[in-house]
Amino acid sequence: MLEHVVDPNQFIAELTRVLRPGGAFVARTVSRYSPLSLASRSVPNSRHARVLSRLQPGREARDVFPTMYRMNTRKDLAALLDAKFEWTVSHRAGLNHYLHPWLRVARFIEAAEPRLPRSMRTTLVIYARKRA
């Protein structure tokens, strides 16, 4: 969900406010450089609902949110988290999960994605613990 955050500094300020020292934040989000986000960014936000209605029949327009990708790289996260958190991020494959309707494509992606550079793998898993 971090790809939808409009103001990352405000998000981190609120996270810092609500977590106790030692409190943890865990997130799974899409990498800015994954094939999925590259495709998403090639379509204007105003057209996402229309495109997704063809790719995911039954998905309602109210369930489509603008994408920003302002905190979806290791560099972005370092700038936001280094001061107040101990944190780590891992890059995981996962593009095939978005391609279930197209089984052959999903299988191809499942085999190919682990061979991509880490920054291009679909999923970032972030673990951050607030410093004391």
N, C-alpha and C. Protein backbone atom coordinates (compact mmCIF):
# COMPACT_ATOMS: atom_id res chain seq x y z
N MET A 1 0.81 -1.21 0.00
CA MET A 1 0.00 0.00 0.00
C MET A 1 0.85 1.27 0.00
N LEU A 2 2.14 1.16 0.23
CA LEU A 2 2.98 2.36 0.30
C LEU A 2 3.04 3.10 -1.03
N GLU A 3 2.72 2.43 -2.12
CA GLU A 3 2.72 3.10 -3.42
C GLU A 3 1.61 4.16 -3.52
N HIS A 4 0.67 4.14 -2.59
CA HIS A 4 -0.44 5.10 -2.61
C HIS A 4 -0.23 6.28 -1.65
N VAL A 5 0.85 6.30 -0.90
CA VAL A 5 1.09 7.36 0.08
C VAL A 5 1.44 8.65 -0.65
N VAL A 6 0.66 9.69 -0.42
CA VAL A 6 0.86 10.98 -1.08
C VAL A 6 2.00 11.76 -0.44
N ASP A 7 2.06 11.77 0.90
CA ASP A 7 3.06 12.54 1.62
C ASP A 7 3.86 11.61 2.55
N PRO A 8 4.96 11.06 2.06
CA PRO A 8 5.74 10.11 2.88
C PRO A 8 6.24 10.70 4.19
N ASN A 9 6.62 11.96 4.21
CA ASN A 9 7.10 12.57 5.46
C ASN A 9 6.00 12.62 6.51
N GLN A 10 4.79 12.95 6.09
CA GLN A 10 3.66 12.97 7.01
C GLN A 10 3.35 11.55 7.49
N PHE A 11 3.42 10.59 6.59
CA PHE A 11 3.18 9.19 6.95
C PHE A 11 4.17 8.73 8.01
N ILE A 12 5.45 9.01 7.82
CA ILE A 12 6.49 8.61 8.77
C ILE A 12 6.33 9.38 10.09
N ALA A 13 5.96 10.65 10.03
CA ALA A 13 5.73 11.41 11.27
C ALA A 13 4.61 10.78 12.08
N GLU A 14 3.55 10.36 11.44
CA GLU A 14 2.44 9.72 12.14
C GLU A 14 2.86 8.34 12.67
N LEU A 15 3.62 7.62 11.89
CA LEU A 15 4.14 6.32 12.33
C LEU A 15 5.01 6.49 13.57
N THR A 16 5.85 7.50 13.55
CA THR A 16 6.72 7.79 14.69
C THR A 16 5.88 8.17 15.92
N ARG A 17 4.82 8.90 15.70
CA ARG A 17 3.96 9.34 16.80
C ARG A 17 3.24 8.17 17.46
N VAL A 18 2.73 7.24 16.68
CA VAL A 18 1.88 6.19 17.24
C VAL A 18 2.64 4.97 17.76
N LEU A 19 3.87 4.78 17.31
CA LEU A 19 4.64 3.63 17.79
C LEU A 19 5.38 3.94 19.08
N ARG A 20 5.38 3.01 20.00
CA ARG A 20 6.21 3.12 21.19
C ARG A 20 7.66 2.85 20.80
N PRO A 21 8.62 3.29 21.62
CA PRO A 21 10.00 2.88 21.36
C PRO A 21 10.07 1.35 21.33
N GLY A 22 10.71 0.82 20.31
CA GLY A 22 10.77 -0.63 20.12
C GLY A 22 9.61 -1.18 19.31
N GLY A 23 8.59 -0.34 19.08
CA GLY A 23 7.44 -0.76 18.29
C GLY A 23 7.83 -1.00 16.84
N ALA A 24 7.13 -1.92 16.19
CA ALA A 24 7.51 -2.32 14.84
C ALA A 24 6.44 -1.96 13.82
N PHE A 25 6.91 -1.70 12.64
CA PHE A 25 6.07 -1.47 11.46
C PHE A 25 6.54 -2.46 10.41
N VAL A 26 5.62 -3.24 9.88
CA VAL A 26 5.94 -4.21 8.83
C VAL A 26 5.03 -3.91 7.65
N ALA A 27 5.62 -3.86 6.48
CA ALA A 27 4.84 -3.55 5.28
C ALA A 27 5.30 -4.42 4.11
N ARG A 28 4.37 -4.71 3.27
CA ARG A 28 4.65 -5.38 1.99
C ARG A 28 4.09 -4.46 0.92
N THR A 29 4.94 -4.08 -0.02
CA THR A 29 4.52 -3.14 -1.04
C THR A 29 5.21 -3.45 -2.35
N VAL A 30 4.89 -2.70 -3.37
CA VAL A 30 5.44 -2.91 -4.71
C VAL A 30 6.68 -2.04 -4.89
N SER A 31 7.73 -2.62 -5.45
CA SER A 31 8.93 -1.86 -5.77
C SER A 31 8.68 -0.89 -6.92
N ARG A 32 9.24 0.29 -6.82
CA ARG A 32 9.08 1.29 -7.87
C ARG A 32 9.60 0.80 -9.22
N TYR A 33 10.60 -0.09 -9.21
CA TYR A 33 11.23 -0.52 -10.45
C TYR A 33 10.75 -1.88 -10.95
N SER A 34 9.74 -2.44 -10.34
CA SER A 34 9.22 -3.73 -10.80
C SER A 34 8.49 -3.55 -12.13
N PRO A 35 8.39 -4.62 -12.91
CA PRO A 35 7.62 -4.53 -14.16
C PRO A 35 6.18 -4.08 -13.92
N LEU A 36 5.59 -4.49 -12.79
CA LEU A 36 4.23 -4.08 -12.47
C LEU A 36 4.12 -2.57 -12.29
N SER A 37 5.02 -1.98 -11.51
CA SER A 37 4.92 -0.53 -11.29
C SER A 37 5.34 0.25 -12.53
N LEU A 38 6.26 -0.28 -13.31
CA LEU A 38 6.61 0.39 -14.58
C LEU A 38 5.40 0.42 -15.50
N ALA A 39 4.67 -0.67 -15.57
CA ALA A 39 3.44 -0.71 -16.38
C ALA A 39 2.40 0.25 -15.80
N SER A 40 2.25 0.24 -14.50
CA SER A 40 1.28 1.12 -13.85
C SER A 40 1.58 2.59 -14.12
N ARG A 41 2.87 2.95 -14.05
CA ARG A 41 3.24 4.35 -14.27
C ARG A 41 3.13 4.76 -15.73
N SER A 42 3.04 3.80 -16.64
CA SER A 42 2.88 4.14 -18.06
C SER A 42 1.44 4.54 -18.38
N VAL A 43 0.53 4.27 -17.44
CA VAL A 43 -0.88 4.62 -17.60
C VAL A 43 -1.21 5.74 -16.63
N PRO A 44 -1.76 6.85 -17.11
CA PRO A 44 -2.12 7.94 -16.18
C PRO A 44 -3.09 7.43 -15.10
N ASN A 45 -2.95 7.95 -13.89
CA ASN A 45 -3.83 7.55 -12.79
C ASN A 45 -5.30 7.68 -13.16
N SER A 46 -5.63 8.67 -13.95
CA SER A 46 -7.03 8.88 -14.33
C SER A 46 -7.59 7.73 -15.17
N ARG A 47 -6.73 6.89 -15.72
CA ARG A 47 -7.17 5.77 -16.55
C ARG A 47 -6.97 4.39 -15.89
N HIS A 48 -6.43 4.38 -14.69
CA HIS A 48 -6.19 3.10 -14.02
C HIS A 48 -7.45 2.27 -13.88
N ALA A 49 -8.55 2.87 -13.46
CA ALA A 49 -9.79 2.10 -13.25
C ALA A 49 -10.25 1.46 -14.55
N ARG A 50 -10.17 2.17 -15.65
CA ARG A 50 -10.60 1.64 -16.94
C ARG A 50 -9.72 0.46 -17.37
N VAL A 51 -8.41 0.63 -17.24
CA VAL A 51 -7.49 -0.44 -17.63
C VAL A 51 -7.68 -1.66 -16.74
N LEU A 52 -7.76 -1.43 -15.43
CA LEU A 52 -7.92 -2.55 -14.50
C LEU A 52 -9.25 -3.28 -14.67
N SER A 53 -10.29 -2.57 -15.11
CA SER A 53 -11.58 -3.25 -15.33
C SER A 53 -11.47 -4.28 -16.44
N ARG A 54 -10.55 -4.09 -17.37
CA ARG A 54 -10.33 -5.09 -18.43
C ARG A 54 -9.42 -6.22 -17.96
N LEU A 55 -8.42 -5.88 -17.14
CA LEU A 55 -7.48 -6.89 -16.66
C LEU A 55 -8.04 -7.69 -15.50
N GLN A 56 -8.89 -7.05 -14.70
CA GLN A 56 -9.47 -7.70 -13.52
C GLN A 56 -10.98 -7.47 -13.54
N PRO A 57 -11.69 -8.21 -14.39
CA PRO A 57 -13.15 -8.02 -14.46
C PRO A 57 -13.78 -8.16 -13.08
N GLY A 58 -14.71 -7.27 -12.79
CA GLY A 58 -15.37 -7.30 -11.49
C GLY A 58 -14.76 -6.34 -10.49
N ARG A 59 -13.58 -5.82 -10.79
CA ARG A 59 -12.96 -4.86 -9.87
C ARG A 59 -13.68 -3.52 -10.04
N GLU A 60 -14.12 -2.97 -8.93
CA GLU A 60 -14.87 -1.72 -8.98
C GLU A 60 -13.93 -0.52 -8.99
N ALA A 61 -14.34 0.53 -9.68
CA ALA A 61 -13.53 1.75 -9.79
C ALA A 61 -13.22 2.33 -8.41
N ARG A 62 -14.13 2.17 -7.46
CA ARG A 62 -13.89 2.73 -6.11
C ARG A 62 -12.74 2.02 -5.39
N ASP A 63 -12.31 0.86 -5.90
CA ASP A 63 -11.21 0.11 -5.31
C ASP A 63 -9.88 0.36 -6.02
N VAL A 64 -9.82 1.39 -6.83
CA VAL A 64 -8.59 1.75 -7.55
C VAL A 64 -8.14 3.11 -7.03
N PHE A 65 -6.88 3.17 -6.57
CA PHE A 65 -6.37 4.39 -5.95
C PHE A 65 -5.18 4.91 -6.73
N PRO A 66 -4.96 6.22 -6.73
CA PRO A 66 -3.78 6.78 -7.43
C PRO A 66 -2.49 6.20 -6.86
N THR A 67 -1.53 5.99 -7.73
CA THR A 67 -0.23 5.49 -7.31
C THR A 67 0.81 6.60 -7.38
N MET A 68 1.70 6.64 -6.38
CA MET A 68 2.71 7.68 -6.28
C MET A 68 4.14 7.13 -6.34
N TYR A 69 4.37 5.99 -5.72
CA TYR A 69 5.70 5.35 -5.64
C TYR A 69 6.75 6.29 -5.06
N ARG A 70 6.41 6.97 -3.96
CA ARG A 70 7.33 7.92 -3.33
C ARG A 70 8.13 7.31 -2.18
N MET A 71 7.80 6.09 -1.81
CA MET A 71 8.56 5.41 -0.75
C MET A 71 8.69 3.93 -1.08
N ASN A 72 9.06 3.67 -2.32
CA ASN A 72 9.09 2.30 -2.83
C ASN A 72 10.44 1.87 -3.38
N THR A 73 11.50 2.46 -2.83
CA THR A 73 12.86 2.01 -3.14
C THR A 73 13.66 2.02 -1.83
N ARG A 74 14.75 1.30 -1.83
CA ARG A 74 15.63 1.29 -0.65
C ARG A 74 16.11 2.72 -0.36
N LYS A 75 16.45 3.48 -1.38
CA LYS A 75 16.94 4.85 -1.19
C LYS A 75 15.85 5.74 -0.57
N ASP A 76 14.62 5.64 -1.08
CA ASP A 76 13.51 6.42 -0.51
C ASP A 76 13.32 6.07 0.96
N LEU A 77 13.34 4.78 1.26
CA LEU A 77 13.13 4.33 2.64
C LEU A 77 14.24 4.80 3.56
N ALA A 78 15.48 4.76 3.07
CA ALA A 78 16.61 5.22 3.89
C ALA A 78 16.43 6.69 4.27
N ALA A 79 16.04 7.50 3.31
CA ALA A 79 15.85 8.93 3.58
C ALA A 79 14.75 9.17 4.61
N LEU A 80 13.75 8.32 4.62
CA LEU A 80 12.61 8.49 5.51
C LEU A 80 12.81 7.83 6.89
N LEU A 81 13.48 6.70 6.93
CA LEU A 81 13.51 5.90 8.15
C LEU A 81 14.80 6.00 8.96
N ASP A 82 15.92 6.31 8.33
CA ASP A 82 17.22 6.24 9.01
C ASP A 82 17.28 6.98 10.34
N ALA A 83 16.64 8.14 10.44
CA ALA A 83 16.77 8.97 11.63
C ALA A 83 16.11 8.37 12.88
N LYS A 84 14.99 7.67 12.71
CA LYS A 84 14.23 7.25 13.89
C LYS A 84 13.98 5.75 13.98
N PHE A 85 14.43 5.00 12.98
CA PHE A 85 14.12 3.58 12.95
C PHE A 85 15.36 2.74 12.64
N GLU A 86 15.39 1.55 13.18
CA GLU A 86 16.28 0.50 12.69
C GLU A 86 15.41 -0.25 11.69
N TRP A 87 15.91 -0.50 10.52
CA TRP A 87 15.04 -1.09 9.51
C TRP A 87 15.82 -1.94 8.52
N THR A 88 15.08 -2.76 7.83
CA THR A 88 15.62 -3.57 6.76
C THR A 88 14.54 -3.76 5.70
N VAL A 89 14.98 -4.07 4.50
CA VAL A 89 14.03 -4.33 3.42
C VAL A 89 14.54 -5.53 2.63
N SER A 90 13.63 -6.37 2.19
CA SER A 90 14.02 -7.47 1.31
C SER A 90 13.21 -7.36 0.02
N HIS A 91 13.80 -7.79 -1.04
CA HIS A 91 13.18 -7.77 -2.36
C HIS A 91 12.73 -9.18 -2.69
N ARG A 92 11.46 -9.34 -3.00
CA ARG A 92 10.89 -10.67 -3.25
C ARG A 92 10.20 -10.71 -4.61
N ALA A 93 10.16 -11.88 -5.19
CA ALA A 93 9.37 -12.08 -6.40
C ALA A 93 7.90 -12.08 -6.00
N GLY A 94 7.02 -11.85 -6.94
CA GLY A 94 5.60 -11.86 -6.62
C GLY A 94 4.71 -11.38 -7.74
N LEU A 95 5.31 -11.04 -8.89
CA LEU A 95 4.52 -10.54 -10.00
C LEU A 95 3.50 -11.57 -10.48
N ASN A 96 3.87 -12.85 -10.40
CA ASN A 96 2.96 -13.90 -10.88
C ASN A 96 1.61 -13.87 -10.15
N HIS A 97 1.56 -13.35 -8.92
CA HIS A 97 0.30 -13.28 -8.18
C HIS A 97 -0.70 -12.35 -8.84
N TYR A 98 -0.23 -11.40 -9.61
CA TYR A 98 -1.11 -10.47 -10.30
C TYR A 98 -1.60 -11.02 -11.63
N LEU A 99 -1.08 -12.17 -12.03
CA LEU A 99 -1.34 -12.70 -13.37
C LEU A 99 -2.11 -14.01 -13.37
N HIS A 100 -2.83 -14.31 -12.31
CA HIS A 100 -3.56 -15.58 -12.21
C HIS A 100 -4.49 -15.86 -13.39
N PRO A 101 -5.15 -14.86 -13.95
CA PRO A 101 -6.04 -15.18 -15.09
C PRO A 101 -5.27 -15.69 -16.32
N TRP A 102 -3.98 -15.42 -16.37
CA TRP A 102 -3.17 -15.82 -17.52
C TRP A 102 -2.11 -16.79 -17.03
N LEU A 103 -2.49 -18.05 -16.89
CA LEU A 103 -1.66 -19.06 -16.26
C LEU A 103 -0.29 -19.21 -16.93
N ARG A 104 -0.23 -19.24 -18.23
CA ARG A 104 1.05 -19.40 -18.92
C ARG A 104 1.98 -18.21 -18.66
N VAL A 105 1.42 -17.04 -18.71
CA VAL A 105 2.23 -15.83 -18.44
C VAL A 105 2.71 -15.86 -16.99
N ALA A 106 1.82 -16.22 -16.07
CA ALA A 106 2.18 -16.29 -14.65
C ALA A 106 3.32 -17.28 -14.42
N ARG A 107 3.27 -18.43 -15.08
CA ARG A 107 4.33 -19.42 -14.92
C ARG A 107 5.66 -18.91 -15.48
N PHE A 108 5.60 -18.24 -16.62
CA PHE A 108 6.81 -17.67 -17.21
C PHE A 108 7.42 -16.64 -16.25
N ILE A 109 6.59 -15.75 -15.74
CA ILE A 109 7.06 -14.69 -14.82
C ILE A 109 7.61 -15.32 -13.55
N GLU A 110 6.96 -16.35 -13.05
CA GLU A 110 7.42 -17.02 -11.84
C GLU A 110 8.85 -17.56 -12.02
N ALA A 111 9.15 -18.05 -13.21
CA ALA A 111 10.49 -18.56 -13.49
C ALA A 111 11.49 -17.43 -13.77
N ALA A 112 11.04 -16.36 -14.41
CA ALA A 112 11.95 -15.30 -14.84
C ALA A 112 12.23 -14.25 -13.76
N GLU A 113 11.26 -13.91 -12.96
CA GLU A 113 11.41 -12.80 -12.02
C GLU A 113 12.57 -12.96 -11.04
N PRO A 114 12.83 -14.15 -10.49
CA PRO A 114 13.97 -14.27 -9.57
C PRO A 114 15.32 -13.97 -10.23
N ARG A 115 15.37 -13.96 -11.54
CA ARG A 115 16.61 -13.67 -12.26
C ARG A 115 16.79 -12.17 -12.51
N LEU A 116 15.76 -11.39 -12.24
CA LEU A 116 15.86 -9.93 -12.40
C LEU A 116 16.76 -9.35 -11.31
N PRO A 117 17.32 -8.16 -11.56
CA PRO A 117 18.03 -7.48 -10.46
C PRO A 117 17.08 -7.30 -9.27
N ARG A 118 17.62 -7.33 -8.06
CA ARG A 118 16.77 -7.23 -6.86
C ARG A 118 15.81 -6.05 -6.92
N SER A 119 16.28 -4.90 -7.38
CA SER A 119 15.43 -3.71 -7.37
C SER A 119 14.23 -3.85 -8.30
N MET A 120 14.26 -4.80 -9.24
CA MET A 120 13.15 -4.98 -10.17
C MET A 120 12.18 -6.08 -9.74
N ARG A 121 12.47 -6.76 -8.65
CA ARG A 121 11.53 -7.75 -8.17
C ARG A 121 10.30 -7.03 -7.62
N THR A 122 9.17 -7.63 -7.76
CA THR A 122 7.90 -6.95 -7.52
C THR A 122 7.71 -6.46 -6.09
N THR A 123 8.06 -7.27 -5.12
CA THR A 123 7.65 -7.00 -3.75
C THR A 123 8.80 -6.54 -2.86
N LEU A 124 8.54 -5.49 -2.09
CA LEU A 124 9.44 -5.07 -1.02
C LEU A 124 8.76 -5.46 0.30
N VAL A 125 9.52 -6.09 1.17
CA VAL A 125 9.03 -6.38 2.51
C VAL A 125 9.89 -5.54 3.45
N ILE A 126 9.24 -4.67 4.20
CA ILE A 126 9.93 -3.70 5.04
C ILE A 126 9.63 -4.01 6.51
N TYR A 127 10.69 -4.05 7.29
CA TYR A 127 10.56 -4.19 8.74
C TYR A 127 11.29 -3.01 9.36
N ALA A 128 10.57 -2.21 10.14
CA ALA A 128 11.16 -1.05 10.81
C ALA A 128 10.78 -1.08 12.28
N ARG A 129 11.79 -0.84 13.14
CA ARG A 129 11.55 -0.79 14.59
C ARG A 129 11.96 0.58 15.08
N LYS A 130 11.06 1.23 15.79
CA LYS A 130 11.33 2.57 16.31
C LYS A 130 12.43 2.51 17.36
N ARG A 131 13.41 3.40 17.20
CA ARG A 131 14.50 3.47 18.17
C ARG A 131 13.99 4.00 19.50
N ALA A 132 14.69 3.59 20.55
CA ALA A 132 14.32 4.05 21.91
C ALA A 132 14.67 5.52 22.07
